[in-house]
Full PDB file with SEQRES, HELIX, SHEET, SSBOND, CRYST1, ORIGX, SCALE, CONECT and MASTER records, all heavy atoms in Angstrom:
SEQRES   1 A   41  MET ARG ARG SER MET LYS ALA ASN ARG GLY ARG ASP THR          
SEQRES   2 A   41  GLN PRO GLU LEU ALA VAL ARG ARG LEU LEU HIS ALA VAL          
SEQRES   3 A   41  GLY LEU ARG TYR ARG VAL ASN PHE ARG PRO ILE PRO ARG          
SEQRES   4 A   41  LEU ASN                                                      
HELIX    1 AA1 ARG A    2  LYS A    6  1                                   5    
HELIX    2 AA2 GLN A   14  ALA A   25  1                                  12    
CRYST1    1.000    1.000    1.000  90.00  90.00  90.00 P 1           1          
ORIGX1      1.000000  0.000000  0.000000        0.00000                         
ORIGX2      0.000000  1.000000  0.000000        0.00000                         
ORIGX3      0.000000  0.000000  1.000000        0.00000                         
SCALE1      1.000000  0.000000  0.000000        0.00000                         
SCALE2      0.000000  1.000000  0.000000        0.00000                         
SCALE3      0.000000  0.000000  1.000000        0.00000                         
ATOM      1  N   MET A   1    -112.110 131.581-113.674  1.00  0.00           N  
ATOM      2  CA  MET A   1    -111.734 130.210-113.765  1.00  0.00           C  
ATOM      3  C   MET A   1    -112.913 129.313-114.108  1.00  0.00           C  
ATOM      4  O   MET A   1    -112.784 128.331-114.833  1.00  0.00           O  
ATOM      5  CB  MET A   1    -111.075 129.750-112.450  1.00  0.00           C  
ATOM      6  CG  MET A   1    -110.731 128.288-112.486  1.00  0.00           C  
ATOM      7  SD  MET A   1    -109.313 127.769-111.630  1.00  0.00           S  
ATOM      8  CE  MET A   1    -109.991 127.262-110.095  1.00  0.00           C  
ATOM      9  N   ARG A   2    -114.084 129.679-113.647  1.00  0.00           N  
ATOM     10  CA  ARG A   2    -115.267 128.839-113.908  1.00  0.00           C  
ATOM     11  C   ARG A   2    -115.488 128.627-115.403  1.00  0.00           C  
ATOM     12  O   ARG A   2    -115.787 127.477-115.809  1.00  0.00           O  
ATOM     13  CB  ARG A   2    -116.454 129.476-113.301  1.00  0.00           C  
ATOM     14  CG  ARG A   2    -117.761 128.681-113.421  1.00  0.00           C  
ATOM     15  CD  ARG A   2    -118.852 129.269-112.586  1.00  0.00           C  
ATOM     16  NE  ARG A   2    -120.196 128.822-112.944  1.00  0.00           N  
ATOM     17  CZ  ARG A   2    -120.661 127.595-112.705  1.00  0.00           C  
ATOM     18  NH1 ARG A   2    -119.876 126.768-112.099  1.00  0.00           N  
ATOM     19  NH2 ARG A   2    -121.849 127.309-113.087  1.00  0.00           N  
ATOM     20  N   ARG A   3    -115.370 129.626-116.176  1.00  0.00           N  
ATOM     21  CA  ARG A   3    -115.622 129.478-117.644  1.00  0.00           C  
ATOM     22  C   ARG A   3    -114.598 128.540-118.281  1.00  0.00           C  
ATOM     23  O   ARG A   3    -114.925 127.701-119.082  1.00  0.00           O  
ATOM     24  CB  ARG A   3    -115.513 130.846-118.316  1.00  0.00           C  
ATOM     25  CG  ARG A   3    -115.999 130.758-119.784  1.00  0.00           C  
ATOM     26  CD  ARG A   3    -115.942 132.117-120.508  1.00  0.00           C  
ATOM     27  NE  ARG A   3    -116.497 133.125-119.665  1.00  0.00           N  
ATOM     28  CZ  ARG A   3    -116.344 134.417-119.869  1.00  0.00           C  
ATOM     29  NH1 ARG A   3    -115.585 134.817-120.883  1.00  0.00           N  
ATOM     30  NH2 ARG A   3    -116.895 135.292-119.033  1.00  0.00           N  
ATOM     31  N   SER A   4    -113.321 128.646-117.857  1.00  0.00           N  
ATOM     32  CA  SER A   4    -112.297 127.795-118.445  1.00  0.00           C  
ATOM     33  C   SER A   4    -112.467 126.335-118.035  1.00  0.00           C  
ATOM     34  O   SER A   4    -112.263 125.411-118.778  1.00  0.00           O  
ATOM     35  CB  SER A   4    -110.888 128.274-118.134  1.00  0.00           C  
ATOM     36  OG  SER A   4    -110.675 128.161-116.729  1.00  0.00           O  
ATOM     37  N   MET A   5    -112.969 126.118-116.789  1.00  0.00           N  
ATOM     38  CA  MET A   5    -113.224 124.758-116.327  1.00  0.00           C  
ATOM     39  C   MET A   5    -114.351 124.150-117.074  1.00  0.00           C  
ATOM     40  O   MET A   5    -114.344 122.964-117.387  1.00  0.00           O  
ATOM     41  CB  MET A   5    -113.478 124.773-114.846  1.00  0.00           C  
ATOM     42  CG  MET A   5    -112.257 125.091-113.954  1.00  0.00           C  
ATOM     43  SD  MET A   5    -111.003 123.847-114.015  1.00  0.00           S  
ATOM     44  CE  MET A   5    -111.751 122.639-112.928  1.00  0.00           C  
ATOM     45  N   LYS A   6    -115.422 124.947-117.394  1.00  0.00           N  
ATOM     46  CA  LYS A   6    -116.566 124.405-118.061  1.00  0.00           C  
ATOM     47  C   LYS A   6    -116.183 124.035-119.487  1.00  0.00           C  
ATOM     48  O   LYS A   6    -116.831 123.168-120.107  1.00  0.00           O  
ATOM     49  CB  LYS A   6    -117.647 125.450-118.092  1.00  0.00           C  
ATOM     50  CG  LYS A   6    -118.371 125.583-116.730  1.00  0.00           C  
ATOM     51  CD  LYS A   6    -119.461 126.648-116.784  1.00  0.00           C  
ATOM     52  CE  LYS A   6    -120.673 126.093-117.408  1.00  0.00           C  
ATOM     53  NZ  LYS A   6    -121.833 126.918-117.340  1.00  0.00           N  
ATOM     54  N   ALA A   7    -115.187 124.635-120.054  1.00  0.00           N  
ATOM     55  CA  ALA A   7    -114.798 124.364-121.416  1.00  0.00           C  
ATOM     56  C   ALA A   7    -113.999 123.070-121.553  1.00  0.00           C  
ATOM     57  O   ALA A   7    -113.880 122.529-122.642  1.00  0.00           O  
ATOM     58  CB  ALA A   7    -113.907 125.514-121.948  1.00  0.00           C  
ATOM     59  N   ASN A   8    -113.554 122.495-120.456  1.00  0.00           N  
ATOM     60  CA  ASN A   8    -112.849 121.220-120.477  1.00  0.00           C  
ATOM     61  C   ASN A   8    -113.831 120.116-120.645  1.00  0.00           C  
ATOM     62  O   ASN A   8    -114.773 119.957-119.937  1.00  0.00           O  
ATOM     63  CB  ASN A   8    -111.998 121.049-119.210  1.00  0.00           C  
ATOM     64  CG  ASN A   8    -110.856 122.041-119.182  1.00  0.00           C  
ATOM     65  OD1 ASN A   8    -110.124 122.201-120.161  1.00  0.00           O  
ATOM     66  ND2 ASN A   8    -110.741 122.712-118.024  1.00  0.00           N  
ATOM     67  N   ARG A   9    -113.476 119.242-121.598  1.00  0.00           N  
ATOM     68  CA  ARG A   9    -114.363 118.100-121.911  1.00  0.00           C  
ATOM     69  C   ARG A   9    -114.129 116.945-120.945  1.00  0.00           C  
ATOM     70  O   ARG A   9    -113.010 116.627-120.630  1.00  0.00           O  
ATOM     71  CB  ARG A   9    -114.151 117.620-123.309  1.00  0.00           C  
ATOM     72  CG  ARG A   9    -114.525 118.607-124.391  1.00  0.00           C  
ATOM     73  CD  ARG A   9    -114.325 117.974-125.722  1.00  0.00           C  
ATOM     74  NE  ARG A   9    -115.113 118.509-126.770  1.00  0.00           N  
ATOM     75  CZ  ARG A   9    -116.372 118.274-126.947  1.00  0.00           C  
ATOM     76  NH1 ARG A   9    -117.016 117.514-126.124  1.00  0.00           N  
ATOM     77  NH2 ARG A   9    -117.043 118.780-127.938  1.00  0.00           N  
ATOM     78  N   GLY A  10    -115.219 116.359-120.491  1.00  0.00           N  
ATOM     79  CA  GLY A  10    -115.162 115.167-119.694  1.00  0.00           C  
ATOM     80  C   GLY A  10    -115.230 113.893-120.523  1.00  0.00           C  
ATOM     81  O   GLY A  10    -114.876 112.818-120.065  1.00  0.00           O  
ATOM     82  N   ARG A  11    -115.686 114.039-121.728  1.00  0.00           N  
ATOM     83  CA  ARG A  11    -115.823 112.913-122.659  1.00  0.00           C  
ATOM     84  C   ARG A  11    -115.612 113.434-124.075  1.00  0.00           C  
ATOM     85  O   ARG A  11    -115.662 114.595-124.295  1.00  0.00           O  
ATOM     86  CB  ARG A  11    -117.164 112.224-122.515  1.00  0.00           C  
ATOM     87  CG  ARG A  11    -118.333 113.126-122.731  1.00  0.00           C  
ATOM     88  CD  ARG A  11    -119.667 112.427-122.704  1.00  0.00           C  
ATOM     89  NE  ARG A  11    -119.874 111.649-123.910  1.00  0.00           N  
ATOM     90  CZ  ARG A  11    -120.923 110.871-124.104  1.00  0.00           C  
ATOM     91  NH1 ARG A  11    -121.852 110.744-123.211  1.00  0.00           N  
ATOM     92  NH2 ARG A  11    -121.082 110.239-125.227  1.00  0.00           N  
ATOM     93  N   ASP A  12    -115.463 112.500-124.992  1.00  0.00           N  
ATOM     94  CA  ASP A  12    -115.347 112.807-126.389  1.00  0.00           C  
ATOM     95  C   ASP A  12    -114.158 113.732-126.721  1.00  0.00           C  
ATOM     96  O   ASP A  12    -114.198 114.602-127.565  1.00  0.00           O  
ATOM     97  CB  ASP A  12    -116.625 113.450-126.998  1.00  0.00           C  
ATOM     98  CG  ASP A  12    -117.766 112.528-126.874  1.00  0.00           C  
ATOM     99  OD1 ASP A  12    -117.600 111.288-126.837  1.00  0.00           O  
ATOM    100  OD2 ASP A  12    -118.970 112.977-126.893  1.00  0.00           O  
ATOM    101  N   THR A  13    -113.065 113.520-125.967  1.00  0.00           N  
ATOM    102  CA  THR A  13    -111.846 114.257-126.242  1.00  0.00           C  
ATOM    103  C   THR A  13    -111.220 113.750-127.583  1.00  0.00           C  
ATOM    104  O   THR A  13    -111.559 112.639-128.040  1.00  0.00           O  
ATOM    105  CB  THR A  13    -110.810 114.090-125.112  1.00  0.00           C  
ATOM    106  OG1 THR A  13    -110.438 112.734-125.027  1.00  0.00           O  
ATOM    107  CG2 THR A  13    -111.395 114.591-123.797  1.00  0.00           C  
ATOM    108  N   GLN A  14    -110.325 114.498-128.140  1.00  0.00           N  
ATOM    109  CA  GLN A  14    -109.724 114.077-129.412  1.00  0.00           C  
ATOM    110  C   GLN A  14    -109.002 112.715-129.273  1.00  0.00           C  
ATOM    111  O   GLN A  14    -109.167 111.887-130.157  1.00  0.00           O  
ATOM    112  CB  GLN A  14    -108.749 115.160-129.879  1.00  0.00           C  
ATOM    113  CG  GLN A  14    -109.443 116.374-130.427  1.00  0.00           C  
ATOM    114  CD  GLN A  14    -110.419 116.046-131.579  1.00  0.00           C  
ATOM    115  OE1 GLN A  14    -110.050 115.300-132.492  1.00  0.00           O  
ATOM    116  NE2 GLN A  14    -111.646 116.618-131.494  1.00  0.00           N  
ATOM    117  N   PRO A  15    -108.232 112.472-128.210  1.00  0.00           N  
ATOM    118  CA  PRO A  15    -107.619 111.157-128.065  1.00  0.00           C  
ATOM    119  C   PRO A  15    -108.642 110.027-128.018  1.00  0.00           C  
ATOM    120  O   PRO A  15    -108.455 108.938-128.651  1.00  0.00           O  
ATOM    121  CB  PRO A  15    -106.776 111.253-126.814  1.00  0.00           C  
ATOM    122  CG  PRO A  15    -106.526 112.719-126.619  1.00  0.00           C  
ATOM    123  CD  PRO A  15    -107.743 113.392-127.134  1.00  0.00           C  
ATOM    124  N   GLU A  16    -109.727 110.245-127.275  1.00  0.00           N  
ATOM    125  CA  GLU A  16    -110.762 109.228-127.173  1.00  0.00           C  
ATOM    126  C   GLU A  16    -111.432 108.958-128.527  1.00  0.00           C  
ATOM    127  O   GLU A  16    -111.610 107.828-128.923  1.00  0.00           O  
ATOM    128  CB  GLU A  16    -111.890 109.651-126.176  1.00  0.00           C  
ATOM    129  CG  GLU A  16    -111.495 109.635-124.776  1.00  0.00           C  
ATOM    130  CD  GLU A  16    -112.678 110.179-123.933  1.00  0.00           C  
ATOM    131  OE1 GLU A  16    -113.839 109.959-124.197  1.00  0.00           O  
ATOM    132  OE2 GLU A  16    -112.341 110.875-122.942  1.00  0.00           O  
ATOM    133  N   LEU A  17    -111.760 110.028-129.202  1.00  0.00           N  
ATOM    134  CA  LEU A  17    -112.409 109.876-130.517  1.00  0.00           C  
ATOM    135  C   LEU A  17    -111.512 109.139-131.486  1.00  0.00           C  
ATOM    136  O   LEU A  17    -112.034 108.293-132.277  1.00  0.00           O  
ATOM    137  CB  LEU A  17    -112.807 111.218-131.114  1.00  0.00           C  
ATOM    138  CG  LEU A  17    -113.888 111.966-130.346  1.00  0.00           C  
ATOM    139  CD1 LEU A  17    -114.072 113.411-130.895  1.00  0.00           C  
ATOM    140  CD2 LEU A  17    -115.198 111.218-130.401  1.00  0.00           C  
ATOM    141  N   ALA A  18    -110.260 109.424-131.473  1.00  0.00           N  
ATOM    142  CA  ALA A  18    -109.287 108.786-132.441  1.00  0.00           C  
ATOM    143  C   ALA A  18    -109.265 107.264-132.146  1.00  0.00           C  
ATOM    144  O   ALA A  18    -109.313 106.419-133.051  1.00  0.00           O  
ATOM    145  CB  ALA A  18    -107.944 109.404-132.268  1.00  0.00           C  
ATOM    146  N   VAL A  19    -109.188 106.886-130.846  1.00  0.00           N  
ATOM    147  CA  VAL A  19    -109.105 105.464-130.531  1.00  0.00           C  
ATOM    148  C   VAL A  19    -110.473 104.817-130.833  1.00  0.00           C  
ATOM    149  O   VAL A  19    -110.466 103.720-131.384  1.00  0.00           O  
ATOM    150  CB  VAL A  19    -108.767 105.326-129.017  1.00  0.00           C  
ATOM    151  CG1 VAL A  19    -108.946 103.895-128.544  1.00  0.00           C  
ATOM    152  CG2 VAL A  19    -107.308 105.795-128.791  1.00  0.00           C  
ATOM    153  N   ARG A  20    -111.544 105.443-130.522  1.00  0.00           N  
ATOM    154  CA  ARG A  20    -112.873 104.871-130.784  1.00  0.00           C  
ATOM    155  C   ARG A  20    -113.075 104.634-132.290  1.00  0.00           C  
ATOM    156  O   ARG A  20    -113.585 103.613-132.651  1.00  0.00           O  
ATOM    157  CB  ARG A  20    -113.953 105.719-130.215  1.00  0.00           C  
ATOM    158  CG  ARG A  20    -114.002 105.625-128.709  1.00  0.00           C  
ATOM    159  CD  ARG A  20    -115.052 106.348-127.957  1.00  0.00           C  
ATOM    160  NE  ARG A  20    -115.950 107.200-128.688  1.00  0.00           N  
ATOM    161  CZ  ARG A  20    -116.419 108.369-128.236  1.00  0.00           C  
ATOM    162  NH1 ARG A  20    -116.082 108.783-127.025  1.00  0.00           N  
ATOM    163  NH2 ARG A  20    -117.324 109.061-128.942  1.00  0.00           N  
ATOM    164  N   ARG A  21    -112.641 105.590-133.127  1.00  0.00           N  
ATOM    165  CA  ARG A  21    -112.765 105.344-134.586  1.00  0.00           C  
ATOM    166  C   ARG A  21    -112.057 104.120-135.032  1.00  0.00           C  
ATOM    167  O   ARG A  21    -112.499 103.315-135.861  1.00  0.00           O  
ATOM    168  CB  ARG A  21    -112.227 106.599-135.286  1.00  0.00           C  
ATOM    169  CG  ARG A  21    -113.211 107.634-135.557  1.00  0.00           C  
ATOM    170  CD  ARG A  21    -112.679 108.773-136.448  1.00  0.00           C  
ATOM    171  NE  ARG A  21    -113.072 110.017-135.953  1.00  0.00           N  
ATOM    172  CZ  ARG A  21    -112.346 110.869-135.212  1.00  0.00           C  
ATOM    173  NH1 ARG A  21    -111.077 110.561-134.989  1.00  0.00           N  
ATOM    174  NH2 ARG A  21    -112.798 112.008-134.780  1.00  0.00           N  
ATOM    175  N   LEU A  22    -110.838 103.958-134.491  1.00  0.00           N  
ATOM    176  CA  LEU A  22    -110.002 102.802-134.871  1.00  0.00           C  
ATOM    177  C   LEU A  22    -110.610 101.497-134.406  1.00  0.00           C  
ATOM    178  O   LEU A  22    -110.594 100.488-135.102  1.00  0.00           O  
ATOM    179  CB  LEU A  22    -108.561 102.962-134.338  1.00  0.00           C  
ATOM    180  CG  LEU A  22    -107.749 104.114-135.039  1.00  0.00           C  
ATOM    181  CD1 LEU A  22    -106.564 104.428-134.209  1.00  0.00           C  
ATOM    182  CD2 LEU A  22    -107.415 103.780-136.450  1.00  0.00           C  
ATOM    183  N   LEU A  23    -111.155 101.483-133.154  1.00  0.00           N  
ATOM    184  CA  LEU A  23    -111.781 100.271-132.660  1.00  0.00           C  
ATOM    185  C   LEU A  23    -113.035  99.933-133.480  1.00  0.00           C  
ATOM    186  O   LEU A  23    -113.271  98.758-133.771  1.00  0.00           O  
ATOM    187  CB  LEU A  23    -112.165 100.489-131.169  1.00  0.00           C  
ATOM    188  CG  LEU A  23    -111.024 100.624-130.211  1.00  0.00           C  
ATOM    189  CD1 LEU A  23    -111.556 101.031-128.810  1.00  0.00           C  
ATOM    190  CD2 LEU A  23    -110.224  99.360-130.117  1.00  0.00           C  
ATOM    191  N   HIS A  24    -113.815 100.931-133.818  1.00  0.00           N  
ATOM    192  CA  HIS A  24    -114.997 100.728-134.608  1.00  0.00           C  
ATOM    193  C   HIS A  24    -114.643 100.206-135.959  1.00  0.00           C  
ATOM    194  O   HIS A  24    -115.307  99.319-136.511  1.00  0.00           O  
ATOM    195  CB  HIS A  24    -115.797 102.040-134.708  1.00  0.00           C  
ATOM    196  CG  HIS A  24    -117.206 101.825-135.166  1.00  0.00           C  
ATOM    197  ND1 HIS A  24    -117.546 101.817-136.474  1.00  0.00           N  
ATOM    198  CD2 HIS A  24    -118.339 101.622-134.479  1.00  0.00           C  
ATOM    199  CE1 HIS A  24    -118.833 101.627-136.599  1.00  0.00           C  
ATOM    200  NE2 HIS A  24    -119.366 101.513-135.416  1.00  0.00           N  
ATOM    201  N   ALA A  25    -113.556 100.652-136.537  1.00  0.00           N  
ATOM    202  CA  ALA A  25    -113.145 100.252-137.871  1.00  0.00           C  
ATOM    203  C   ALA A  25    -112.733  98.776-137.962  1.00  0.00           C  
ATOM    204  O   ALA A  25    -112.885  98.167-138.996  1.00  0.00           O  
ATOM    205  CB  ALA A  25    -111.955 101.124-138.341  1.00  0.00           C  
ATOM    206  N   VAL A  26    -112.326  98.246-136.806  1.00  0.00           N  
ATOM    207  CA  VAL A  26    -111.966  96.816-136.788  1.00  0.00           C  
ATOM    208  C   VAL A  26    -113.107  95.959-136.342  1.00  0.00           C  
ATOM    209  O   VAL A  26    -112.937  94.774-136.035  1.00  0.00           O  
ATOM    210  CB  VAL A  26    -110.687  96.515-136.013  1.00  0.00           C  
ATOM    211  CG1 VAL A  26    -109.462  97.169-136.678  1.00  0.00           C  
ATOM    212  CG2 VAL A  26    -110.848  96.887-134.545  1.00  0.00           C  
ATOM    213  N   GLY A  27    -114.306  96.579-136.218  1.00  0.00           N  
ATOM    214  CA  GLY A  27    -115.505  95.785-135.925  1.00  0.00           C  
ATOM    215  C   GLY A  27    -115.856  95.649-134.463  1.00  0.00           C  
ATOM    216  O   GLY A  27    -116.784  94.879-134.109  1.00  0.00           O  
ATOM    217  N   LEU A  28    -115.175  96.319-133.605  1.00  0.00           N  
ATOM    218  CA  LEU A  28    -115.481  96.243-132.154  1.00  0.00           C  
ATOM    219  C   LEU A  28    -116.625  97.225-131.777  1.00  0.00           C  
ATOM    220  O   LEU A  28    -116.629  98.342-132.296  1.00  0.00           O  
ATOM    221  CB  LEU A  28    -114.231  96.465-131.330  1.00  0.00           C  
ATOM    222  CG  LEU A  28    -113.113  95.484-131.440  1.00  0.00           C  
ATOM    223  CD1 LEU A  28    -111.935  95.897-130.631  1.00  0.00           C  
ATOM    224  CD2 LEU A  28    -113.592  94.135-130.980  1.00  0.00           C  
ATOM    225  N   ARG A  29    -117.511  96.747-130.966  1.00  0.00           N  
ATOM    226  CA  ARG A  29    -118.573  97.603-130.469  1.00  0.00           C  
ATOM    227  C   ARG A  29    -118.467  97.723-128.969  1.00  0.00           C  
ATOM    228  O   ARG A  29    -118.108  96.769-128.270  1.00  0.00           O  
ATOM    229  CB  ARG A  29    -119.930  96.987-130.911  1.00  0.00           C  
ATOM    230  CG  ARG A  29    -120.102  96.867-132.396  1.00  0.00           C  
ATOM    231  CD  ARG A  29    -119.960  98.203-133.107  1.00  0.00           C  
ATOM    232  NE  ARG A  29    -120.072  98.089-134.574  1.00  0.00           N  
ATOM    233  CZ  ARG A  29    -119.023  98.133-135.354  1.00  0.00           C  
ATOM    234  NH1 ARG A  29    -117.794  98.282-134.925  1.00  0.00           N  
ATOM    235  NH2 ARG A  29    -119.216  98.091-136.665  1.00  0.00           N  
ATOM    236  N   TYR A  30    -118.791  98.865-128.444  1.00  0.00           N  
ATOM    237  CA  TYR A  30    -118.557  99.234-127.055  1.00  0.00           C  
ATOM    238  C   TYR A  30    -119.507 100.286-126.584  1.00  0.00           C  
ATOM    239  O   TYR A  30    -120.260 100.884-127.313  1.00  0.00           O  
ATOM    240  CB  TYR A  30    -117.093  99.787-126.952  1.00  0.00           C  
ATOM    241  CG  TYR A  30    -116.828 100.823-128.053  1.00  0.00           C  
ATOM    242  CD1 TYR A  30    -117.201 102.109-127.959  1.00  0.00           C  
ATOM    243  CD2 TYR A  30    -116.149 100.386-129.221  1.00  0.00           C  
ATOM    244  CE1 TYR A  30    -116.949 102.997-128.938  1.00  0.00           C  
ATOM    245  CE2 TYR A  30    -115.953 101.320-130.248  1.00  0.00           C  
ATOM    246  CZ  TYR A  30    -116.348 102.639-130.125  1.00  0.00           C  
ATOM    247  OH  TYR A  30    -116.152 103.513-131.112  1.00  0.00           O  
ATOM    248  N   ARG A  31    -119.489 100.475-125.296  1.00  0.00           N  
ATOM    249  CA  ARG A  31    -120.264 101.565-124.674  1.00  0.00           C  
ATOM    250  C   ARG A  31    -119.275 102.717-124.373  1.00  0.00           C  
ATOM    251  O   ARG A  31    -118.107 102.513-124.144  1.00  0.00           O  
ATOM    252  CB  ARG A  31    -120.811 101.105-123.347  1.00  0.00           C  
ATOM    253  CG  ARG A  31    -121.712  99.880-123.394  1.00  0.00           C  
ATOM    254  CD  ARG A  31    -123.023 100.069-124.145  1.00  0.00           C  
ATOM    255  NE  ARG A  31    -123.826 101.091-123.651  1.00  0.00           N  
ATOM    256  CZ  ARG A  31    -124.907 100.934-122.846  1.00  0.00           C  
ATOM    257  NH1 ARG A  31    -125.187  99.695-122.423  1.00  0.00           N  
ATOM    258  NH2 ARG A  31    -125.627 101.964-122.430  1.00  0.00           N  
ATOM    259  N   VAL A  32    -119.816 103.968-124.440  1.00  0.00           N  
ATOM    260  CA  VAL A  32    -119.019 105.164-124.251  1.00  0.00           C  
ATOM    261  C   VAL A  32    -119.464 105.865-122.989  1.00  0.00           C  
ATOM    262  O   VAL A  32    -120.642 105.983-122.702  1.00  0.00           O  
ATOM    263  CB  VAL A  32    -119.215 106.112-125.455  1.00  0.00           C  
ATOM    264  CG1 VAL A  32    -118.442 107.429-125.263  1.00  0.00           C  
ATOM    265  CG2 VAL A  32    -118.708 105.441-126.759  1.00  0.00           C  
ATOM    266  N   ASN A  33    -118.438 106.315-122.236  1.00  0.00           N  
ATOM    267  CA  ASN A  33    -118.725 107.063-120.981  1.00  0.00           C  
ATOM    268  C   ASN A  33    -119.697 106.286-120.119  1.00  0.00           C  
ATOM    269  O   ASN A  33    -120.756 106.819-119.780  1.00  0.00           O  
ATOM    270  CB  ASN A  33    -119.251 108.448-121.324  1.00  0.00           C  
ATOM    271  CG  ASN A  33    -119.020 109.432-120.223  1.00  0.00           C  
ATOM    272  OD1 ASN A  33    -117.942 109.451-119.578  1.00  0.00           O  
ATOM    273  ND2 ASN A  33    -120.000 110.280-119.904  1.00  0.00           N  
ATOM    274  N   PHE A  34    -119.393 105.079-119.792  1.00  0.00           N  
ATOM    275  CA  PHE A  34    -120.326 104.170-119.187  1.00  0.00           C  
ATOM    276  C   PHE A  34    -119.755 103.674-117.820  1.00  0.00           C  
ATOM    277  O   PHE A  34    -118.531 103.533-117.641  1.00  0.00           O  
ATOM    278  CB  PHE A  34    -120.443 102.950-120.076  1.00  0.00           C  
ATOM    279  CG  PHE A  34    -121.442 101.892-119.715  1.00  0.00           C  
ATOM    280  CD1 PHE A  34    -122.763 102.126-119.913  1.00  0.00           C  
ATOM    281  CD2 PHE A  34    -121.034 100.729-119.159  1.00  0.00           C  
ATOM    282  CE1 PHE A  34    -123.720 101.148-119.565  1.00  0.00           C  
ATOM    283  CE2 PHE A  34    -121.932  99.765-118.803  1.00  0.00           C  
ATOM    284  CZ  PHE A  34    -123.319 100.019-118.974  1.00  0.00           C  
ATOM    285  N   ARG A  35    -120.647 103.461-116.860  1.00  0.00           N  
ATOM    286  CA  ARG A  35    -120.275 102.918-115.557  1.00  0.00           C  
ATOM    287  C   ARG A  35    -120.163 101.406-115.622  1.00  0.00           C  
ATOM    288  O   ARG A  35    -121.155 100.723-115.773  1.00  0.00           O  
ATOM    289  CB  ARG A  35    -121.332 103.283-114.531  1.00  0.00           C  
ATOM    290  CG  ARG A  35    -121.415 104.665-114.112  1.00  0.00           C  
ATOM    291  CD  ARG A  35    -122.469 104.813-112.995  1.00  0.00           C  
ATOM    292  NE  ARG A  35    -122.623 106.222-112.696  1.00  0.00           N  
ATOM    293  CZ  ARG A  35    -123.463 106.667-111.819  1.00  0.00           C  
ATOM    294  NH1 ARG A  35    -124.210 105.796-111.106  1.00  0.00           N  
ATOM    295  NH2 ARG A  35    -123.612 107.939-111.584  1.00  0.00           N  
ATOM    296  N   PRO A  36    -118.935 100.883-115.507  1.00  0.00           N  
ATOM    297  CA  PRO A  36    -118.772  99.414-115.532  1.00  0.00           C  
ATOM    298  C   PRO A  36    -119.567  98.741-114.362  1.00  0.00           C  
ATOM    299  O   PRO A  36    -120.150  97.705-114.530  1.00  0.00           O  
ATOM    300  CB  PRO A  36    -117.308  99.209-115.410  1.00  0.00           C  
ATOM    301  CG  PRO A  36    -116.675 100.472-115.813  1.00  0.00           C  
ATOM    302  CD  PRO A  36    -117.630 101.549-115.458  1.00  0.00           C  
ATOM    303  N   ILE A  37    -119.527  99.371-113.178  1.00  0.00           N  
ATOM    304  CA  ILE A  37    -120.260  98.918-112.068  1.00  0.00           C  
ATOM    305  C   ILE A  37    -121.273 100.002-111.746  1.00  0.00           C  
ATOM    306  O   ILE A  37    -120.948 101.072-111.270  1.00  0.00           O  
ATOM    307  CB  ILE A  37    -119.341  98.699-110.829  1.00  0.00           C  
ATOM    308  CG1 ILE A  37    -118.224  97.728-111.182  1.00  0.00           C  
ATOM    309  CG2 ILE A  37    -120.084  98.224-109.616  1.00  0.00           C  
ATOM    310  CD1 ILE A  37    -117.168  97.570-110.071  1.00  0.00           C  
ATOM    311  N   PRO A  38    -122.585  99.706-112.010  1.00  0.00           N  
ATOM    312  CA  PRO A  38    -123.588 100.760-111.883  1.00  0.00           C  
ATOM    313  C   PRO A  38    -123.646 101.477-110.549  1.00  0.00           C  
ATOM    314  O   PRO A  38    -123.795 102.721-110.541  1.00  0.00           O  
ATOM    315  CB  PRO A  38    -124.906  99.962-112.131  1.00  0.00           C  
ATOM    316  CG  PRO A  38    -124.452  98.852-112.964  1.00  0.00           C  
ATOM    317  CD  PRO A  38    -123.135  98.470-112.463  1.00  0.00           C  
ATOM    318  N   ARG A  39    -123.377 100.775-109.439  1.00  0.00           N  
ATOM    319  CA  ARG A  39    -123.467 101.441-108.160  1.00  0.00           C  
ATOM    320  C   ARG A  39    -122.227 102.286-107.767  1.00  0.00           C  
ATOM    321  O   ARG A  39    -122.239 103.044-106.849  1.00  0.00           O  
ATOM    322  CB  ARG A  39    -123.744 100.389-107.038  1.00  0.00           C  
ATOM    323  CG  ARG A  39    -122.620  99.449-106.821  1.00  0.00           C  
ATOM    324  CD  ARG A  39    -122.964  98.342-105.828  1.00  0.00           C  
ATOM    325  NE  ARG A  39    -121.960  97.409-105.693  1.00  0.00           N  
ATOM    326  CZ  ARG A  39    -121.622  96.435-106.575  1.00  0.00           C  
ATOM    327  NH1 ARG A  39    -122.377  96.281-107.601  1.00  0.00           N  
ATOM    328  NH2 ARG A  39    -120.620  95.669-106.371  1.00  0.00           N  
ATOM    329  N   LEU A  40    -121.207 102.094-108.589  1.00  0.00           N  
ATOM    330  CA  LEU A  40    -119.997 102.908-108.378  1.00  0.00           C  
ATOM    331  C   LEU A  40    -120.016 104.101-109.329  1.00  0.00           C  
ATOM    332  O   LEU A  40    -120.139 103.977-110.501  1.00  0.00           O  
ATOM    333  CB  LEU A  40    -118.777 102.056-108.746  1.00  0.00           C  
ATOM    334  CG  LEU A  40    -117.357 102.681-108.588  1.00  0.00           C  
ATOM    335  CD1 LEU A  40    -117.112 103.069-107.164  1.00  0.00           C  
ATOM    336  CD2 LEU A  40    -116.256 101.757-109.068  1.00  0.00           C  
ATOM    337  N   ASN A  41    -119.961 105.284-108.731  1.00  0.00           N  
ATOM    338  CA  ASN A  41    -120.178 106.516-109.474  1.00  0.00           C  
ATOM    339  C   ASN A  41    -118.857 106.892-110.271  1.00  0.00           C  
ATOM    340  O   ASN A  41    -118.269 107.952-110.039  1.00  0.00           O  
ATOM    341  CB  ASN A  41    -120.604 107.644-108.596  1.00  0.00           C  
ATOM    342  CG  ASN A  41    -121.067 108.888-109.364  1.00  0.00           C  
ATOM    343  OD1 ASN A  41    -121.372 108.783-110.549  1.00  0.00           O  
ATOM    344  ND2 ASN A  41    -121.084 110.026-108.699  1.00  0.00           N  
TER     345      ASN A  41                                                      
MASTER        0    0    0    2    0    0    0    6  344    1    0    4          
END                                                                             
């Protein structure tokens, strides 16, 4: 199970990438995989 769990992405998944491409195309700039509240993990 460990190997299969390691293969799962925590970021840059296909749905995320598709949405980010569209946001970028309309001129929006953003942070990726970012802590909105730094002290909150």
